[in-house]
Amino acid sequence: KKEDITVEIKENTLRLAGERKVNYQEDVSFHRRERENFKFDRTLRLPFRVDDEKIKAEMNDGLLAIAIVQKAEDKPRKVTIE
């Protein structure tokens, strides 16, 4: 759920943290469980600084999509030769 995920951005670092909760009915017994509750915290270093005003995050059907825009001053510029 999107309420269980935190997305943070600072300069060129993206941090994703959250918790995955799997709820089972009380009257269910298990021989083996493959899905457990767990917490995660990942930090990714990006090769450029991020424009934090233009970042967008969406979650649809359990899939998190993050759109990141590079800061304009970090983008390569074409220089005309005089």
Protein backbone atom coordinates (compact mmCIF):
# COMPACT_ATOMS: atom_id res chain seq x y z
CA LYS A 1 0.00 0.00 0.00
CA LYS A 2 1.17 3.51 -0.69
CA GLU A 3 0.64 4.42 2.97
CA ASP A 4 3.38 1.93 3.91
CA ILE A 5 6.07 3.44 1.62
CA THR A 6 8.24 6.52 2.09
CA VAL A 7 10.03 8.13 -0.86
CA GLU A 8 12.70 10.75 -0.06
CA ILE A 9 14.99 12.67 -2.39
CA LYS A 10 18.02 14.83 -1.58
CA GLU A 11 20.36 16.11 -4.30
CA ASN A 12 21.41 12.88 -6.03
CA THR A 13 20.18 10.34 -3.47
CA LEU A 14 16.84 8.52 -3.59
CA ARG A 15 15.64 6.65 -0.50
CA LEU A 16 12.79 4.12 -0.48
CA ALA A 17 11.63 2.74 2.86
CA GLY A 18 8.57 0.91 4.02
CA GLU A 19 6.98 -2.21 5.30
CA ARG A 20 5.26 -5.07 3.55
CA LYS A 21 2.42 -6.59 5.52
CA VAL A 22 0.74 -9.86 4.61
CA ASN A 23 -2.53 -10.48 6.42
CA TYR A 24 -3.84 -14.01 6.71
CA GLN A 25 -7.14 -15.12 8.18
CA GLU A 26 -6.97 -16.35 11.77
CA ASP A 27 -8.43 -19.79 11.03
CA VAL A 28 -5.76 -20.65 8.43
CA SER A 29 -2.96 -23.10 9.20
CA PHE A 30 0.29 -23.33 7.26
CA HIS A 31 2.69 -26.04 6.32
CA ARG A 32 4.99 -23.51 4.67
CA ARG A 33 4.86 -19.73 4.21
CA GLU A 34 6.66 -18.04 1.34
CA ARG A 35 5.45 -14.50 1.98
CA GLU A 36 6.28 -12.86 5.27
CA ASN A 37 6.03 -9.38 6.72
CA PHE A 38 9.25 -7.42 6.33
CA LYS A 39 10.67 -3.90 6.42
CA PHE A 40 12.91 -2.49 3.72
CA ASP A 41 15.13 0.56 3.38
CA ARG A 42 17.05 1.16 0.15
CA THR A 43 19.17 4.15 -0.80
CA LEU A 44 20.14 4.70 -4.42
CA ARG A 45 22.81 7.14 -5.55
CA LEU A 46 21.90 8.69 -8.89
CA PRO A 47 24.48 9.93 -11.45
CA PHE A 48 22.93 13.43 -11.42
CA ARG A 49 21.22 15.90 -9.08
CA VAL A 50 17.44 15.73 -9.09
CA ASP A 51 15.05 18.63 -9.54
CA ASP A 52 13.02 17.94 -6.40
CA GLU A 53 10.17 20.21 -7.54
CA LYS A 54 9.44 17.96 -10.54
CA ILE A 55 9.69 14.48 -9.03
CA LYS A 56 6.50 12.37 -9.16
CA ALA A 57 5.63 9.04 -7.60
CA GLU A 58 2.61 6.88 -8.45
CA MET A 59 1.44 3.49 -7.28
CA ASN A 60 -0.85 1.32 -9.37
CA ASP A 61 -1.70 -2.33 -8.65
CA GLY A 62 1.22 -2.62 -6.22
CA LEU A 63 3.78 -1.24 -8.68
CA LEU A 64 5.63 1.94 -7.67
CA ALA A 65 6.70 4.25 -10.50
CA ILE A 66 8.95 7.25 -9.80
CA ALA A 67 9.58 9.92 -12.46
CA ILE A 68 12.83 11.81 -11.85
CA VAL A 69 13.96 14.94 -13.69
CA GLN A 70 17.60 16.01 -13.82
CA LYS A 71 18.37 19.57 -12.66
CA ALA A 72 18.66 21.93 -15.62
CA GLU A 73 22.08 23.22 -14.59
CA ASP A 74 23.46 19.65 -14.56
CA LYS A 75 22.33 18.86 -18.11
CA PRO A 76 24.93 19.06 -20.86
CA ARG A 77 24.82 22.23 -22.94
CA LYS A 78 25.74 22.62 -26.56
CA VAL A 79 28.45 25.23 -27.07
CA THR A 80 28.66 27.03 -30.38
CA ILE A 81 32.11 27.49 -31.83
CA GLU A 82 32.90 31.03 -32.88
